[in-house]
Amino acid sequence: MTDTDEPLEVPLAELRPALEAVLMVADQPLDQASLAAAVGYPLAQVVDALHGLAAEYTEQGRGFDLRNVAGGWRFYTREEYVAVVERFVLEGQQARLTQAALETLAVVAYKQPVSRARVSAIRGVNVDGVMRTLVSRGLVEECGTDATTTAMLYRTTSYFLERMGLTSTDELPELAPFLPELTDLDDVEGVEGVPESA
């Protein structure tokens, strides 16, 4: 038995389900050694199990299969279901943001890093739900806390730049021609009933 055939740790779970669990959360192909280390089984057993799982998915006609591509294992959509997935993804991309979400996103883009309370003060309405939507869409992210108020700060993401066709926020258009009512944002500290530290 070689060193690579020895368990790297005590197995915590049954091999095949353990491999499936790890592969399900992987965001890139995983090599066999990494998988063996993750599940705590000898490499040879892991390789056999991976091939067994791949054959099992094919036999069962699952909508996905397990492939070893370029030295890494990963789940892939089975070819005959690609059209279904493409339709789902395209419909999701075409989902429009509401006017409230667009306005909130504009405030974050031009005033970042900025707290929810500051955005609420500028817009004059509570933006908690809209901010959650923007975060879940990957357009806005948390980026630390305000030194004075300890409020969570938000900024736009690289995905936002990608969707807008920008390389940085420095390329955002001038504010005045599009949002003249926001040109004096620095003078807006809050509105009644919306505390800055929220």
Protein backbone atom coordinates (compact mmCIF):
# COMPACT_ATOMS: atom_id res chain seq x y z
CA MET A 1 0.00 0.00 0.00
CA THR A 2 1.47 3.37 -1.01
CA ASP A 3 1.18 6.60 0.94
CA THR A 4 -1.54 7.84 -1.42
CA ASP A 5 -3.61 4.71 -0.75
CA GLU A 6 -3.75 5.29 2.99
CA PRO A 7 -6.67 7.16 4.57
CA LEU A 8 -5.71 10.74 5.33
CA GLU A 9 -8.10 10.86 8.28
CA VAL A 10 -10.77 8.80 9.95
CA PRO A 11 -13.79 8.58 7.60
CA LEU A 12 -16.73 10.51 9.02
CA ALA A 13 -19.41 9.21 6.65
CA GLU A 14 -20.25 6.62 4.04
CA LEU A 15 -18.02 7.14 1.00
CA ARG A 16 -20.42 7.75 -1.90
CA PRO A 17 -22.79 10.15 -0.10
CA ALA A 18 -19.76 11.97 1.33
CA LEU A 19 -18.33 12.46 -2.16
CA GLU A 20 -21.69 13.69 -3.44
CA ALA A 21 -21.96 16.19 -0.58
CA VAL A 22 -18.50 17.63 -1.27
CA LEU A 23 -18.99 17.76 -5.04
CA MET A 24 -22.37 19.47 -4.59
CA VAL A 25 -20.79 22.52 -2.93
CA ALA A 26 -17.62 22.67 -5.04
CA ASP A 27 -17.41 25.70 -7.33
CA GLN A 28 -14.64 24.17 -9.46
CA PRO A 29 -13.51 20.66 -10.48
CA LEU A 30 -11.83 18.73 -7.65
CA ASP A 31 -8.95 16.33 -8.21
CA GLN A 32 -9.07 12.84 -6.76
CA ALA A 33 -6.46 13.53 -4.07
CA SER A 34 -8.42 16.55 -2.78
CA LEU A 35 -11.59 14.49 -2.67
CA ALA A 36 -9.80 11.65 -0.82
CA ALA A 37 -8.49 14.15 1.73
CA ALA A 38 -11.95 15.69 2.16
CA VAL A 39 -13.78 12.41 2.79
CA GLY A 40 -10.97 10.58 4.61
CA TYR A 41 -10.85 7.47 2.43
CA PRO A 42 -7.95 5.87 0.53
CA LEU A 43 -7.40 7.32 -2.94
CA ALA A 44 -8.04 4.01 -4.72
CA GLN A 45 -11.45 3.64 -3.03
CA VAL A 46 -12.34 7.22 -3.91
CA VAL A 47 -11.46 6.70 -7.58
CA ASP A 48 -13.58 3.53 -7.71
CA ALA A 49 -16.48 5.32 -6.01
CA LEU A 50 -16.31 8.26 -8.42
CA HIS A 51 -16.46 5.98 -11.45
CA GLY A 52 -19.29 4.04 -9.79
CA LEU A 53 -21.29 7.21 -9.14
CA ALA A 54 -20.80 8.40 -12.72
CA ALA A 55 -22.06 5.04 -14.07
CA GLU A 56 -24.98 5.05 -11.63
CA TYR A 57 -26.16 8.52 -12.70
CA THR A 58 -26.05 7.45 -16.36
CA GLU A 59 -27.98 4.24 -15.69
CA GLN A 60 -30.65 6.14 -13.75
CA GLY A 61 -31.01 8.79 -16.46
CA ARG A 62 -30.39 11.66 -14.04
CA GLY A 63 -30.49 15.25 -15.30
CA PHE A 64 -26.82 15.60 -14.39
CA ASP A 65 -23.72 13.48 -14.65
CA LEU A 66 -20.35 13.30 -12.95
CA ARG A 67 -17.38 13.88 -15.22
CA ASN A 68 -13.62 13.89 -14.86
CA VAL A 69 -12.50 16.80 -17.02
CA ALA A 70 -8.92 18.09 -17.09
CA GLY A 71 -8.02 16.15 -13.96
CA GLY A 72 -10.95 17.31 -11.86
CA TRP A 73 -14.35 15.83 -11.00
CA ARG A 74 -17.49 17.91 -11.18
CA PHE A 75 -21.26 17.66 -11.71
CA TYR A 76 -22.44 18.76 -15.15
CA THR A 77 -25.86 19.10 -16.74
CA ARG A 78 -26.59 16.12 -18.95
CA GLU A 79 -26.53 17.15 -22.61
CA GLU A 80 -30.17 16.43 -23.34
CA TYR A 81 -31.24 18.86 -20.59
CA VAL A 82 -29.00 21.78 -21.56
CA ALA A 83 -31.86 23.60 -23.32
CA VAL A 84 -33.98 23.48 -20.15
CA VAL A 85 -31.16 24.95 -18.06
CA GLU A 86 -30.39 27.63 -20.65
CA ARG A 87 -34.02 28.76 -20.66
CA PHE A 88 -34.06 28.92 -16.86
CA VAL A 89 -30.81 30.90 -16.70
CA LEU A 90 -31.83 33.33 -19.45
CA GLU A 91 -35.21 34.01 -17.85
CA GLY A 92 -33.46 34.71 -14.56
CA GLN A 93 -31.07 37.17 -16.23
CA GLN A 94 -33.95 38.99 -17.88
CA ALA A 95 -35.72 39.56 -14.56
CA ARG A 96 -35.89 43.33 -14.20
CA LEU A 97 -35.08 45.31 -11.10
CA THR A 98 -37.90 47.42 -9.73
CA GLN A 99 -37.72 51.20 -9.87
CA ALA A 100 -37.04 51.23 -6.12
CA ALA A 101 -34.16 48.77 -6.56
CA LEU A 102 -32.66 50.80 -9.41
CA GLU A 103 -32.84 54.01 -7.38
CA THR A 104 -31.28 52.31 -4.36
CA LEU A 105 -28.54 50.80 -6.52
CA ALA A 106 -27.79 54.24 -7.98
CA VAL A 107 -27.41 55.73 -4.50
CA VAL A 108 -25.05 52.94 -3.44
CA ALA A 109 -23.03 53.26 -6.65
CA TYR A 110 -22.51 57.00 -6.28
CA LYS A 111 -22.16 57.22 -2.48
CA GLN A 112 -20.31 53.99 -1.63
CA PRO A 113 -19.34 52.91 0.90
CA VAL A 114 -22.70 53.80 2.40
CA SER A 115 -24.95 52.54 5.20
CA ARG A 116 -28.55 51.39 4.74
CA ALA A 117 -29.68 54.29 6.92
CA ARG A 118 -27.86 56.78 4.71
CA VAL A 119 -29.49 55.27 1.60
CA SER A 120 -32.87 55.38 3.37
CA ALA A 121 -32.27 59.03 4.28
CA ILE A 122 -31.40 59.96 0.71
CA ARG A 123 -34.37 58.08 -0.78
CA GLY A 124 -36.77 59.06 2.01
CA VAL A 125 -38.02 55.49 2.49
CA ASN A 126 -36.88 52.35 4.27
CA VAL A 127 -34.61 50.35 1.93
CA ASP A 128 -33.92 47.22 4.02
CA GLY A 129 -35.89 44.89 1.74
CA VAL A 130 -34.49 46.41 -1.44
CA MET A 131 -30.93 46.15 -0.11
CA ARG A 132 -31.49 42.47 0.65
CA THR A 133 -32.63 42.00 -2.95
CA LEU A 134 -29.56 43.77 -4.32
CA VAL A 135 -27.27 41.70 -2.10
CA SER A 136 -28.98 38.46 -3.14
CA ARG A 137 -28.63 39.45 -6.81
CA GLY A 138 -24.89 39.94 -6.26
CA LEU A 139 -24.99 43.64 -7.19
CA VAL A 140 -24.21 45.00 -3.71
CA GLU A 141 -22.07 43.61 -0.88
CA GLU A 142 -21.11 44.42 2.70
CA CYS A 143 -17.76 46.15 3.05
CA GLY A 144 -17.14 46.84 6.76
CA THR A 145 -18.65 49.21 9.30
CA ASP A 146 -18.79 52.96 9.75
CA ALA A 147 -16.18 54.08 12.29
CA THR A 148 -18.57 56.59 13.88
CA THR A 149 -21.92 54.80 13.91
CA THR A 150 -20.76 51.14 13.56
CA ALA A 151 -23.45 50.78 10.86
CA MET A 152 -22.77 48.17 8.17
CA LEU A 153 -21.48 49.73 4.96
CA TYR A 154 -22.31 48.59 1.44
CA ARG A 155 -20.68 48.93 -1.96
CA THR A 156 -21.29 47.71 -5.48
CA THR A 157 -19.66 44.44 -6.61
CA SER A 158 -17.51 43.37 -9.53
CA TYR A 159 -20.66 41.71 -10.92
CA PHE A 160 -22.33 45.14 -10.92
CA LEU A 161 -19.43 46.52 -12.96
CA GLU A 162 -19.64 43.55 -15.32
CA ARG A 163 -23.38 44.02 -15.86
CA MET A 164 -22.89 47.77 -16.42
CA GLY A 165 -19.96 47.23 -18.80
CA LEU A 166 -17.55 49.20 -16.62
CA THR A 167 -14.03 48.47 -15.43
CA SER A 168 -14.40 50.64 -12.33
CA THR A 169 -16.88 53.00 -10.68
CA ASP A 170 -14.75 55.89 -11.95
CA GLU A 171 -16.42 55.25 -15.31
CA LEU A 172 -19.92 55.93 -13.95
CA PRO A 173 -21.54 58.81 -15.85
CA GLU A 174 -21.66 62.26 -14.32
CA LEU A 175 -24.42 62.38 -11.72
CA ALA A 176 -26.02 65.75 -12.48
CA PRO A 177 -27.47 65.07 -15.95
CA PHE A 178 -29.23 61.90 -14.79
CA LEU A 179 -30.07 62.44 -11.12
CA PRO A 180 -30.10 66.20 -10.52
CA GLU A 181 -32.01 65.78 -7.28
CA LEU A 182 -29.07 63.85 -5.83
CA THR A 183 -26.33 66.36 -6.67
CA ASP A 184 -26.39 67.71 -3.13
CA LEU A 185 -26.30 64.32 -1.41
CA ASP A 186 -23.46 65.37 0.86
CA ASP A 187 -25.83 67.85 2.51
CA VAL A 188 -28.38 65.13 3.29
CA GLU A 189 -27.65 63.63 6.70
CA GLY A 190 -30.99 61.94 7.35
CA VAL A 191 -34.70 62.29 7.40
CA GLU A 192 -37.04 62.32 10.30
CA GLY A 193 -37.67 58.82 11.60
CA VAL A 194 -34.68 57.22 9.86
CA PRO A 195 -31.70 57.06 12.26
CA GLU A 196 -28.26 57.12 10.63
CA SER A 197 -27.00 54.16 12.69
CA ALA A 198 -29.71 51.74 11.58
